[in-house]
N, C-alpha and C. Protein backbone atom coordinates (compact mmCIF):
# COMPACT_ATOMS: atom_id res chain seq x y z
N MET A 1 -30.04 -7.04 6.78
CA MET A 1 -29.88 -7.91 5.86
C MET A 1 -28.67 -7.78 5.36
N ALA A 2 -27.64 -8.92 5.01
CA ALA A 2 -26.23 -8.75 4.48
C ALA A 2 -26.34 -8.26 3.03
N ARG A 3 -25.38 -7.32 2.46
CA ARG A 3 -25.11 -7.05 1.33
C ARG A 3 -24.46 -8.14 0.41
N ILE A 4 -24.90 -8.12 -0.92
CA ILE A 4 -24.29 -9.08 -1.69
C ILE A 4 -23.55 -7.93 -2.70
N PHE A 5 -22.34 -8.23 -3.05
CA PHE A 5 -21.56 -7.53 -4.06
C PHE A 5 -21.82 -8.08 -5.41
N GLU A 6 -22.27 -7.57 -6.52
CA GLU A 6 -22.51 -8.16 -7.74
C GLU A 6 -21.63 -7.42 -8.82
N ARG A 7 -21.12 -8.27 -9.72
CA ARG A 7 -20.73 -7.52 -10.80
C ARG A 7 -20.72 -8.50 -11.96
N ASN A 8 -21.27 -8.05 -13.27
CA ASN A 8 -21.30 -8.57 -14.46
C ASN A 8 -19.80 -8.61 -15.23
N LYS A 9 -19.72 -9.64 -15.97
CA LYS A 9 -18.61 -9.96 -16.73
C LYS A 9 -18.89 -10.59 -17.89
N ARG A 10 -18.37 -10.00 -18.99
CA ARG A 10 -18.43 -10.94 -20.31
C ARG A 10 -17.33 -11.82 -20.48
N VAL A 11 -17.67 -13.07 -20.92
CA VAL A 11 -16.59 -14.10 -20.89
C VAL A 11 -15.77 -13.67 -22.38
N ARG A 12 -14.60 -13.43 -22.39
CA ARG A 12 -13.87 -12.76 -23.55
C ARG A 12 -13.19 -13.93 -24.21
N PHE A 13 -12.80 -13.72 -25.51
CA PHE A 13 -11.97 -14.78 -26.21
C PHE A 13 -10.62 -15.23 -25.41
N ALA A 14 -9.98 -14.26 -24.86
CA ALA A 14 -8.76 -14.66 -24.13
C ALA A 14 -9.08 -15.27 -22.95
N HIS A 15 -10.37 -15.52 -22.37
CA HIS A 15 -10.74 -16.46 -21.44
C HIS A 15 -10.92 -17.94 -21.73
N CYS A 16 -10.92 -18.18 -22.91
CA CYS A 16 -11.26 -19.42 -23.47
C CYS A 16 -10.38 -20.30 -23.96
N ASP A 17 -10.69 -21.43 -24.12
CA ASP A 17 -9.68 -22.63 -24.50
C ASP A 17 -10.05 -22.86 -26.05
N PRO A 18 -9.25 -23.74 -26.77
CA PRO A 18 -9.78 -23.83 -28.24
C PRO A 18 -11.31 -24.50 -28.30
N ALA A 19 -11.79 -24.95 -27.48
CA ALA A 19 -13.29 -25.45 -27.43
C ALA A 19 -14.28 -24.41 -27.34
N GLY A 20 -13.91 -23.22 -26.95
CA GLY A 20 -14.74 -22.04 -26.68
C GLY A 20 -15.24 -21.89 -25.41
N ILE A 21 -14.84 -22.67 -24.44
CA ILE A 21 -15.32 -22.51 -23.17
C ILE A 21 -14.29 -22.02 -22.34
N VAL A 22 -14.59 -21.35 -21.03
CA VAL A 22 -13.84 -20.60 -20.28
C VAL A 22 -12.69 -21.87 -19.69
N PHE A 23 -11.37 -21.47 -19.74
CA PHE A 23 -10.31 -22.57 -19.51
C PHE A 23 -10.35 -22.38 -18.08
N TYR A 24 -10.32 -23.27 -17.22
CA TYR A 24 -10.61 -23.15 -15.86
C TYR A 24 -9.84 -22.17 -14.97
N PRO A 25 -8.50 -22.25 -15.40
CA PRO A 25 -7.69 -21.06 -14.38
C PRO A 25 -7.99 -19.89 -14.64
N ARG A 26 -8.81 -19.42 -15.77
CA ARG A 26 -9.11 -17.97 -16.01
C ARG A 26 -10.30 -17.61 -15.00
N TYR A 27 -10.88 -18.62 -14.49
CA TYR A 27 -11.87 -18.14 -13.61
C TYR A 27 -11.16 -17.58 -12.29
N VAL A 28 -10.10 -17.98 -11.86
CA VAL A 28 -9.37 -17.63 -10.78
C VAL A 28 -8.87 -16.24 -10.96
N GLU A 29 -8.44 -15.88 -12.08
CA GLU A 29 -8.34 -14.57 -12.46
C GLU A 29 -9.58 -13.45 -12.42
N LEU A 30 -10.72 -14.11 -12.82
CA LEU A 30 -11.72 -13.19 -12.84
C LEU A 30 -12.35 -13.04 -11.42
N PHE A 31 -12.11 -14.29 -10.48
CA PHE A 31 -12.40 -13.91 -9.04
C PHE A 31 -11.49 -12.84 -8.55
N ASN A 32 -10.38 -12.77 -8.82
CA ASN A 32 -9.35 -11.76 -8.22
C ASN A 32 -9.89 -10.44 -8.65
N GLU A 33 -10.50 -10.23 -10.12
CA GLU A 33 -11.06 -9.24 -10.41
C GLU A 33 -12.12 -8.62 -9.59
N VAL A 34 -13.12 -9.50 -9.26
CA VAL A 34 -14.33 -9.33 -8.57
C VAL A 34 -13.78 -8.74 -7.10
N VAL A 35 -13.02 -9.56 -6.51
CA VAL A 35 -12.51 -8.95 -5.32
C VAL A 35 -12.06 -7.52 -5.33
N GLU A 36 -11.18 -7.15 -6.29
CA GLU A 36 -10.35 -5.81 -6.64
C GLU A 36 -11.65 -5.09 -6.61
N ASP A 37 -12.68 -5.25 -7.43
CA ASP A 37 -13.91 -4.39 -7.42
C ASP A 37 -14.56 -4.36 -6.34
N TRP A 38 -14.77 -5.47 -5.41
CA TRP A 38 -15.40 -5.41 -4.18
C TRP A 38 -14.60 -4.26 -3.22
N PHE A 39 -13.33 -4.30 -2.94
CA PHE A 39 -12.58 -3.30 -2.43
C PHE A 39 -12.81 -2.02 -2.70
N ALA A 40 -12.91 -1.72 -4.08
CA ALA A 40 -13.11 -0.44 -4.65
C ALA A 40 -14.46 0.14 -4.67
N ASP A 41 -15.27 -0.54 -5.02
CA ASP A 41 -16.72 -0.20 -5.21
C ASP A 41 -17.67 -0.81 -4.16
N GLY A 42 -17.30 -1.72 -3.28
CA GLY A 42 -18.11 -2.16 -2.28
C GLY A 42 -17.60 -1.47 -0.74
N LEU A 43 -16.27 -1.70 -0.85
CA LEU A 43 -15.53 -1.40 0.62
C LEU A 43 -15.33 -0.01 0.49
N GLY A 44 -14.89 0.64 -0.53
CA GLY A 44 -14.58 2.16 -0.80
C GLY A 44 -13.05 2.49 -0.69
N VAL A 45 -12.22 1.20 -0.65
CA VAL A 45 -10.86 1.30 -0.76
C VAL A 45 -10.08 0.35 -1.82
N GLY A 46 -9.74 1.31 -2.96
CA GLY A 46 -9.15 0.65 -4.28
C GLY A 46 -7.95 0.19 -3.86
N PHE A 47 -7.46 -0.85 -4.72
CA PHE A 47 -6.32 -1.72 -4.49
C PHE A 47 -5.03 -0.43 -4.69
N GLN A 48 -5.12 0.62 -5.36
CA GLN A 48 -3.99 1.51 -5.38
C GLN A 48 -3.97 2.12 -3.95
N ASP A 49 -4.80 2.43 -3.32
CA ASP A 49 -4.84 3.10 -2.15
C ASP A 49 -4.44 2.12 -0.90
N LEU A 50 -4.90 0.88 -1.18
CA LEU A 50 -4.89 -0.39 -0.23
C LEU A 50 -3.14 -0.46 -0.25
N HIS A 51 -2.56 -0.64 -1.60
CA HIS A 51 -1.15 -0.97 -1.81
C HIS A 51 -0.12 -0.08 -1.32
N GLU A 52 -0.51 1.07 -2.07
CA GLU A 52 0.35 2.18 -2.10
C GLU A 52 0.47 3.11 -1.07
N VAL A 53 -0.77 3.35 -0.34
CA VAL A 53 -0.74 4.44 0.73
C VAL A 53 -0.98 3.67 1.99
N ARG A 54 -1.73 2.82 2.08
CA ARG A 54 -1.72 1.81 3.33
C ARG A 54 -1.02 0.74 3.45
N ARG A 55 -0.22 0.41 2.39
CA ARG A 55 0.81 -0.67 2.42
C ARG A 55 0.37 -2.06 2.92
N LEU A 56 -0.92 -2.21 2.47
CA LEU A 56 -1.37 -3.54 2.80
C LEU A 56 -1.82 -4.38 1.54
N GLY A 57 -1.79 -5.62 1.66
CA GLY A 57 -2.03 -6.68 0.62
C GLY A 57 -3.12 -7.63 1.26
N ILE A 58 -3.68 -8.38 0.11
CA ILE A 58 -4.54 -9.29 0.52
C ILE A 58 -4.39 -10.59 -0.06
N PRO A 59 -3.13 -11.36 0.30
CA PRO A 59 -2.86 -12.59 -0.63
C PRO A 59 -3.68 -13.60 -0.14
N THR A 60 -4.08 -14.45 -1.18
CA THR A 60 -4.91 -15.64 -1.09
C THR A 60 -4.21 -16.68 -0.33
N VAL A 61 -4.68 -17.24 0.38
CA VAL A 61 -4.06 -18.48 1.36
C VAL A 61 -4.71 -19.80 1.01
N LYS A 62 -5.95 -19.57 0.52
CA LYS A 62 -6.72 -20.92 0.48
C LYS A 62 -7.79 -20.49 -0.59
N LEU A 63 -7.90 -21.66 -1.64
CA LEU A 63 -8.93 -21.37 -2.60
C LEU A 63 -9.53 -22.75 -3.03
N ASP A 64 -10.78 -22.89 -3.01
CA ASP A 64 -11.52 -24.14 -3.42
C ASP A 64 -12.71 -23.66 -4.33
N VAL A 65 -12.52 -24.40 -5.55
CA VAL A 65 -13.43 -23.94 -6.65
C VAL A 65 -14.17 -25.18 -7.07
N GLU A 66 -15.35 -25.05 -7.47
CA GLU A 66 -16.37 -26.05 -7.84
C GLU A 66 -16.84 -25.51 -9.18
N TYR A 67 -16.43 -26.26 -10.25
CA TYR A 67 -16.93 -26.09 -11.75
C TYR A 67 -18.27 -26.88 -12.08
N LEU A 68 -19.45 -26.05 -12.31
CA LEU A 68 -20.57 -26.74 -12.41
C LEU A 68 -20.91 -27.03 -14.10
N THR A 69 -21.00 -26.02 -14.71
CA THR A 69 -21.33 -25.79 -16.06
C THR A 69 -20.57 -25.06 -16.94
N PRO A 70 -20.13 -25.42 -17.87
CA PRO A 70 -19.24 -24.57 -18.76
C PRO A 70 -19.67 -23.26 -19.21
N SER A 71 -18.81 -22.23 -19.17
CA SER A 71 -19.21 -21.13 -19.93
C SER A 71 -18.69 -20.77 -21.18
N ARG A 72 -19.26 -20.04 -22.22
CA ARG A 72 -18.86 -19.95 -23.48
C ARG A 72 -18.30 -18.39 -23.88
N TYR A 73 -17.66 -18.34 -24.78
CA TYR A 73 -17.34 -16.97 -25.31
C TYR A 73 -18.50 -16.25 -25.61
N GLY A 74 -18.64 -14.99 -24.91
CA GLY A 74 -19.86 -14.19 -25.24
C GLY A 74 -20.95 -14.12 -24.14
N ASP A 75 -20.92 -15.14 -23.41
CA ASP A 75 -21.62 -15.23 -22.18
C ASP A 75 -21.47 -13.91 -21.10
N VAL A 76 -22.37 -13.52 -20.68
CA VAL A 76 -22.39 -12.45 -19.69
C VAL A 76 -22.67 -13.22 -18.28
N LEU A 77 -21.86 -13.28 -17.36
CA LEU A 77 -21.82 -13.93 -15.97
C LEU A 77 -22.04 -12.88 -15.02
N THR A 78 -22.95 -13.14 -14.09
CA THR A 78 -23.06 -12.35 -13.04
C THR A 78 -22.34 -12.97 -11.88
N PHE A 79 -21.56 -12.32 -11.17
CA PHE A 79 -20.51 -12.87 -10.05
C PHE A 79 -21.16 -12.17 -8.89
N ARG A 80 -21.26 -12.89 -7.80
CA ARG A 80 -22.07 -12.64 -6.67
C ARG A 80 -21.17 -12.91 -5.47
N LEU A 81 -20.53 -11.95 -4.63
CA LEU A 81 -19.69 -12.23 -3.53
C LEU A 81 -20.31 -11.85 -2.17
N GLN A 82 -20.07 -12.77 -1.14
CA GLN A 82 -20.51 -12.59 0.24
C GLN A 82 -19.35 -12.91 1.07
N VAL A 83 -19.39 -12.31 2.37
CA VAL A 83 -18.31 -12.81 3.18
C VAL A 83 -18.88 -14.05 3.95
N ALA A 84 -18.19 -15.11 4.18
CA ALA A 84 -18.52 -16.37 4.96
C ALA A 84 -18.14 -16.16 6.23
N ARG A 85 -16.80 -15.73 6.70
CA ARG A 85 -16.23 -15.76 7.69
C ARG A 85 -15.22 -14.44 7.99
N ILE A 86 -15.20 -13.98 8.95
CA ILE A 86 -14.10 -12.87 9.33
C ILE A 86 -13.40 -13.15 10.59
N GLY A 87 -12.21 -13.70 10.34
CA GLY A 87 -11.37 -14.05 11.34
C GLY A 87 -10.46 -13.04 12.10
N ASN A 88 -9.39 -13.33 12.61
CA ASN A 88 -8.57 -12.20 13.28
C ASN A 88 -7.96 -11.43 12.24
N ALA A 89 -7.35 -12.13 11.31
CA ALA A 89 -6.42 -11.36 10.44
C ALA A 89 -6.83 -11.78 9.00
N SER A 90 -7.85 -12.79 8.85
CA SER A 90 -8.15 -13.30 7.64
C SER A 90 -9.81 -13.01 7.24
N VAL A 91 -10.03 -13.10 5.98
CA VAL A 91 -11.22 -13.09 5.67
C VAL A 91 -11.87 -14.13 4.55
N GLU A 92 -12.94 -14.69 4.73
CA GLU A 92 -13.23 -15.83 3.72
C GLU A 92 -14.52 -15.18 2.96
N VAL A 93 -14.52 -15.47 1.69
CA VAL A 93 -15.62 -14.94 0.87
C VAL A 93 -16.00 -16.19 -0.07
N GLU A 94 -17.33 -16.09 -0.11
CA GLU A 94 -17.88 -16.94 -1.28
C GLU A 94 -18.34 -16.21 -2.46
N ILE A 95 -17.91 -16.71 -3.80
CA ILE A 95 -18.31 -16.10 -5.12
C ILE A 95 -18.85 -17.20 -5.86
N ALA A 96 -20.06 -16.67 -6.29
CA ALA A 96 -20.71 -17.71 -7.26
C ALA A 96 -20.95 -16.88 -8.86
N ALA A 97 -20.83 -17.68 -9.77
CA ALA A 97 -20.86 -16.89 -11.10
C ALA A 97 -21.85 -17.78 -11.92
N GLY A 98 -22.74 -16.97 -12.30
CA GLY A 98 -23.53 -17.69 -13.39
C GLY A 98 -24.60 -16.74 -14.27
N VAL A 99 -25.50 -17.46 -14.78
CA VAL A 99 -26.40 -16.82 -15.76
C VAL A 99 -27.83 -17.01 -15.30
N GLY A 100 -28.43 -15.87 -14.73
CA GLY A 100 -29.89 -16.02 -14.23
C GLY A 100 -29.67 -16.54 -12.93
N ASP A 101 -30.48 -17.61 -12.65
CA ASP A 101 -30.39 -18.35 -11.22
C ASP A 101 -29.46 -19.47 -11.11
N LYS A 102 -28.70 -19.83 -12.22
CA LYS A 102 -27.99 -21.00 -12.52
C LYS A 102 -26.65 -20.59 -12.31
N ASP A 103 -26.03 -21.17 -11.24
CA ASP A 103 -24.47 -21.36 -11.25
C ASP A 103 -23.73 -21.80 -12.10
N ARG A 104 -22.67 -21.32 -12.64
CA ARG A 104 -21.89 -21.95 -13.25
C ARG A 104 -20.48 -22.63 -12.73
N VAL A 105 -20.19 -21.68 -11.64
CA VAL A 105 -18.88 -22.04 -10.85
C VAL A 105 -19.16 -21.35 -9.54
N ARG A 106 -18.56 -21.93 -8.51
CA ARG A 106 -18.71 -21.49 -7.18
C ARG A 106 -17.28 -21.51 -6.36
N ALA A 107 -16.86 -20.59 -5.73
CA ALA A 107 -15.56 -20.67 -5.09
C ALA A 107 -15.53 -20.10 -3.78
N ARG A 108 -14.63 -20.68 -2.84
CA ARG A 108 -14.51 -20.07 -1.62
C ARG A 108 -13.04 -19.58 -1.27
N LEU A 109 -12.75 -18.46 -1.11
CA LEU A 109 -11.30 -18.12 -1.07
C LEU A 109 -11.15 -17.42 0.28
N LYS A 110 -9.75 -17.69 0.87
CA LYS A 110 -9.61 -17.09 2.29
C LYS A 110 -8.16 -16.12 1.72
N PHE A 111 -8.36 -14.83 2.24
CA PHE A 111 -7.26 -13.84 2.07
C PHE A 111 -6.91 -13.50 3.57
N VAL A 112 -5.67 -13.05 3.55
CA VAL A 112 -5.29 -12.49 4.90
C VAL A 112 -4.88 -11.07 4.74
N LEU A 113 -5.10 -10.18 5.63
CA LEU A 113 -4.85 -8.66 5.51
C LEU A 113 -3.62 -8.78 6.01
N ALA A 114 -2.52 -8.23 5.21
CA ALA A 114 -1.21 -8.28 5.23
C ALA A 114 -0.24 -7.10 5.17
N ASP A 115 0.51 -6.84 5.95
CA ASP A 115 1.43 -5.92 5.90
C ASP A 115 2.38 -5.97 5.07
N MET A 116 2.53 -5.30 3.94
CA MET A 116 3.33 -5.47 2.72
C MET A 116 4.82 -5.48 2.94
N ASP A 117 5.27 -4.66 4.12
CA ASP A 117 6.68 -4.41 4.09
C ASP A 117 7.23 -5.45 5.01
N LYS A 118 6.29 -5.87 6.06
CA LYS A 118 6.75 -7.01 6.93
C LYS A 118 6.45 -8.41 6.46
N LEU A 119 5.43 -8.40 5.44
CA LEU A 119 5.06 -9.68 4.90
C LEU A 119 4.36 -10.60 5.92
N LYS A 120 3.42 -9.85 6.80
CA LYS A 120 2.74 -10.88 8.19
C LYS A 120 1.52 -10.26 7.94
N GLY A 121 0.59 -11.24 8.63
CA GLY A 121 -0.83 -10.79 8.76
C GLY A 121 -0.94 -9.67 9.71
N VAL A 122 -1.90 -8.70 9.54
CA VAL A 122 -2.26 -7.69 10.74
C VAL A 122 -3.76 -7.95 10.98
N PRO A 123 -4.03 -7.62 12.30
CA PRO A 123 -5.53 -7.83 13.06
C PRO A 123 -6.37 -7.09 11.99
N ILE A 124 -7.55 -7.62 11.73
CA ILE A 124 -8.46 -6.75 11.20
C ILE A 124 -9.15 -5.93 12.29
N ASP A 125 -9.00 -4.71 12.22
CA ASP A 125 -9.52 -3.54 13.06
C ASP A 125 -10.69 -3.00 12.82
N GLU A 126 -10.97 -2.00 13.67
CA GLU A 126 -12.22 -1.22 13.66
C GLU A 126 -12.42 -0.48 12.33
N PHE A 127 -11.43 -0.14 11.55
CA PHE A 127 -11.71 0.25 10.24
C PHE A 127 -12.19 -0.60 9.24
N TRP A 128 -11.80 -1.93 9.14
CA TRP A 128 -12.01 -3.10 8.27
C TRP A 128 -13.11 -3.94 8.54
N ARG A 129 -13.45 -4.27 9.93
CA ARG A 129 -14.23 -5.18 10.41
C ARG A 129 -15.83 -4.98 10.07
N PRO A 130 -16.22 -3.58 10.21
CA PRO A 130 -17.68 -3.28 9.78
C PRO A 130 -17.77 -3.23 8.23
N LYS A 131 -16.55 -3.06 7.67
CA LYS A 131 -16.80 -3.17 5.88
C LYS A 131 -16.88 -4.57 5.64
N PHE A 132 -16.22 -5.19 6.14
CA PHE A 132 -16.28 -6.87 5.70
C PHE A 132 -17.75 -7.11 6.43
N ALA A 133 -18.08 -7.08 7.60
CA ALA A 133 -19.42 -7.45 8.25
C ALA A 133 -20.72 -6.78 7.40
N ALA A 134 -20.49 -5.91 6.65
CA ALA A 134 -21.70 -5.30 5.95
C ALA A 134 -22.15 -6.58 4.95
N TYR A 135 -20.94 -7.42 4.52
CA TYR A 135 -21.34 -8.49 3.37
C TYR A 135 -21.40 -9.92 4.02
N LEU A 136 -21.29 -9.82 5.37
CA LEU A 136 -21.58 -11.39 6.20
C LEU A 136 -22.79 -11.80 5.72
N LYS A 137 -22.74 -13.09 5.07
CA LYS A 137 -23.92 -13.79 4.88
C LYS A 137 -24.63 -14.17 5.92
N PRO A 138 -25.93 -14.52 5.99
CA PRO A 138 -26.69 -15.08 7.05
C PRO A 138 -26.00 -16.48 7.34
N GLY A 139 -25.80 -16.54 8.79
CA GLY A 139 -25.18 -17.73 9.08
C GLY A 139 -23.62 -17.72 9.06
N GLY A 140 -23.30 -16.63 8.58
CA GLY A 140 -21.66 -16.37 8.44
C GLY A 140 -21.17 -16.12 9.83
N GLU A 141 -19.91 -16.19 9.91
CA GLU A 141 -19.23 -16.28 11.18
C GLU A 141 -18.09 -14.80 11.35
N ASP A 142 -18.31 -14.19 12.31
CA ASP A 142 -17.44 -12.90 12.65
C ASP A 142 -16.88 -13.14 14.30
N LEU A 143 -15.68 -13.84 14.15
CA LEU A 143 -14.85 -13.95 15.39
C LEU A 143 -14.83 -13.01 16.42
N ALA A 144 -14.90 -11.61 16.11
CA ALA A 144 -15.10 -10.53 16.97
C ALA A 144 -16.53 -10.45 17.70
N ALA A 145 -17.34 -10.92 16.90
CA ALA A 145 -18.77 -11.16 17.60
C ALA A 145 -19.01 -12.29 18.82
N ARG A 146 -17.91 -12.92 18.86
CA ARG A 146 -18.20 -14.03 20.15
C ARG A 146 -18.04 -13.59 21.37
């Protein structure tokens, strides 16, 4: 069974607009925090190691967000991340955030595993692929499994 990475985040004053609801681009920052937490706590490779030691980055190349219900200052949102697709050099993840079983926002983002010095994608190798595959959702796609 595929693992789901979960992280609770409290909506802070800094996330909100004058109406007291999350200003939509702040969700993108929260998604990035969740991905960073997933690398450190789910995959076992923190961003400091990823960037400074391995000289790899994961630039986002595609982002699709669906805003369902506003979130307010003080709400505690549960972010859930699963892998939807593992390509040759890219990974697509789906992130949903909500309270209880009610999603408030959903996103699908695609990042590329990239060499930071050459600024080019690198193949997802035998070190990375099983780490990502552990979070591959049912019905997800792994191009190496073809």
